[in-house]
Amino acid sequence: MSKQTIITADHLNATHLGEKIIILDNCEIVMSGKLKELRATQYSMPVYSNDIEAVPDGYGNITIAPKLNYETVTDIIMHLSNQLNDDIKATVHGDTELVIEVNGK
């Protein structure tokens, strides 16, 4: 009997190695396989907001511009192995839903 747990990718950790991982997109299965390895990368990405700000140009003029914010993005890189022992590399954002399937003993 197997137990299924739904988590987001940013909660994936080394205790899930060897377990079956199912990647979901809008509650539909995109890919699945046994977790062999995982890594995480984090970076800041510029995002324009709806807010505006006054920006002086150094010559006494002021320009109105959209405010630039930065969003931190976490990517989880997973190496999966499917039933045919094909190696699959999957990169997902930290908020991607995953199903962890643990076989009971």
Protein backbone atom coordinates (compact mmCIF):
# COMPACT_ATOMS: atom_id res chain seq x y z
CA MET A 1 0.00 0.00 0.00
CA SER A 2 1.39 3.42 -0.90
CA LYS A 3 0.79 6.74 0.78
CA GLN A 4 0.56 9.95 -1.28
CA THR A 5 1.39 13.40 0.03
CA ILE A 6 1.06 16.68 -1.89
CA ILE A 7 3.78 19.27 -1.23
CA THR A 8 5.27 22.23 -3.05
CA ALA A 9 8.68 21.78 -4.64
CA ASP A 10 10.36 24.13 -2.15
CA HIS A 11 9.59 21.57 0.60
CA LEU A 12 11.37 18.74 -1.24
CA ASN A 13 14.43 17.48 0.66
CA ALA A 14 16.93 14.61 0.89
CA THR A 15 14.46 12.39 2.78
CA HIS A 16 12.49 12.11 -0.50
CA LEU A 17 15.40 10.52 -2.40
CA GLY A 18 14.35 7.15 -3.85
CA GLU A 19 10.65 7.97 -3.64
CA LYS A 20 8.29 8.35 -6.60
CA ILE A 21 7.69 12.03 -7.43
CA ILE A 22 4.77 13.18 -9.59
CA ILE A 23 4.98 16.73 -10.99
CA LEU A 24 1.59 18.42 -11.32
CA ASP A 25 0.44 21.41 -13.38
CA ASN A 26 -3.11 22.58 -12.70
CA CYS A 27 -3.80 19.26 -10.95
CA GLU A 28 -2.73 17.23 -14.02
CA ILE A 29 0.30 14.93 -14.14
CA VAL A 30 3.16 16.34 -16.22
CA MET A 31 5.92 13.87 -15.36
CA SER A 32 6.79 11.25 -12.78
CA GLY A 33 9.74 9.16 -11.73
CA LYS A 34 11.91 8.04 -8.84
CA LEU A 35 13.94 10.90 -7.32
CA LYS A 36 17.67 10.26 -7.78
CA GLU A 37 19.13 13.72 -7.07
CA LEU A 38 17.96 17.26 -6.36
CA ARG A 39 19.46 20.75 -6.34
CA ALA A 40 18.05 24.20 -5.78
CA THR A 41 19.02 27.52 -7.32
CA GLN A 42 17.79 30.88 -6.17
CA TYR A 43 17.99 34.16 -8.05
CA SER A 44 16.42 37.61 -8.14
CA MET A 45 14.35 38.56 -11.14
CA PRO A 46 13.37 42.15 -12.03
CA VAL A 47 9.63 42.76 -12.11
CA TYR A 48 7.92 46.04 -12.99
CA SER A 49 5.08 46.94 -10.67
CA ASN A 50 2.01 49.11 -11.21
CA ASP A 51 3.55 51.69 -8.86
CA ILE A 52 5.30 54.68 -10.36
CA GLU A 53 8.20 56.69 -9.04
CA ALA A 54 9.78 60.06 -9.84
CA VAL A 55 13.32 59.61 -11.17
CA PRO A 56 15.64 62.65 -11.45
CA ASP A 57 17.82 62.59 -14.57
CA GLY A 58 20.67 64.71 -13.15
CA TYR A 59 19.81 67.76 -15.28
CA GLY A 60 17.01 69.08 -13.09
CA ASN A 61 14.29 67.11 -14.90
CA ILE A 62 12.13 64.47 -13.28
CA THR A 63 10.82 61.49 -15.20
CA ILE A 64 7.92 59.33 -14.09
CA ALA A 65 8.74 55.64 -14.51
CA PRO A 66 7.28 52.31 -13.41
CA LYS A 67 8.90 51.13 -10.20
CA LEU A 68 11.26 48.20 -10.61
CA ASN A 69 11.02 45.56 -7.91
CA TYR A 70 12.92 42.29 -7.54
CA GLU A 71 11.29 38.93 -6.94
CA THR A 72 13.23 36.01 -5.53
CA VAL A 73 12.68 32.87 -7.59
CA THR A 74 13.64 29.38 -6.46
CA ASP A 75 14.12 26.65 -9.05
CA ILE A 76 14.29 23.01 -7.98
CA ILE A 77 16.30 20.80 -10.34
CA MET A 78 15.36 17.14 -10.02
CA HIS A 79 16.92 14.10 -11.64
CA LEU A 80 14.26 11.43 -11.98
CA SER A 81 14.40 7.87 -13.26
CA ASN A 82 11.29 6.43 -14.93
CA GLN A 83 10.22 2.78 -15.32
CA LEU A 84 12.52 2.37 -18.33
CA ASN A 85 15.49 3.71 -16.27
CA ASP A 86 15.64 6.82 -18.47
CA ASP A 87 17.26 9.75 -16.68
CA ILE A 88 15.01 12.80 -16.71
CA LYS A 89 16.05 16.29 -15.61
CA ALA A 90 13.12 18.44 -14.50
CA THR A 91 13.32 22.07 -13.38
CA VAL A 92 10.33 23.48 -11.51
CA HIS A 93 9.62 26.64 -9.54
CA GLY A 94 9.40 26.38 -5.77
CA ASP A 95 5.61 26.76 -5.78
CA THR A 96 5.02 23.79 -8.16
CA GLU A 97 2.86 21.06 -6.63
CA LEU A 98 4.38 17.60 -6.31
CA VAL A 99 2.89 14.32 -5.18
CA ILE A 100 5.25 12.18 -3.10
CA GLU A 101 4.38 8.49 -3.19
CA VAL A 102 5.81 6.41 -0.36
CA ASN A 103 5.42 2.64 -0.43
CA GLY A 104 4.26 1.18 2.86
CA LYS A 105 6.01 -1.83 4.36
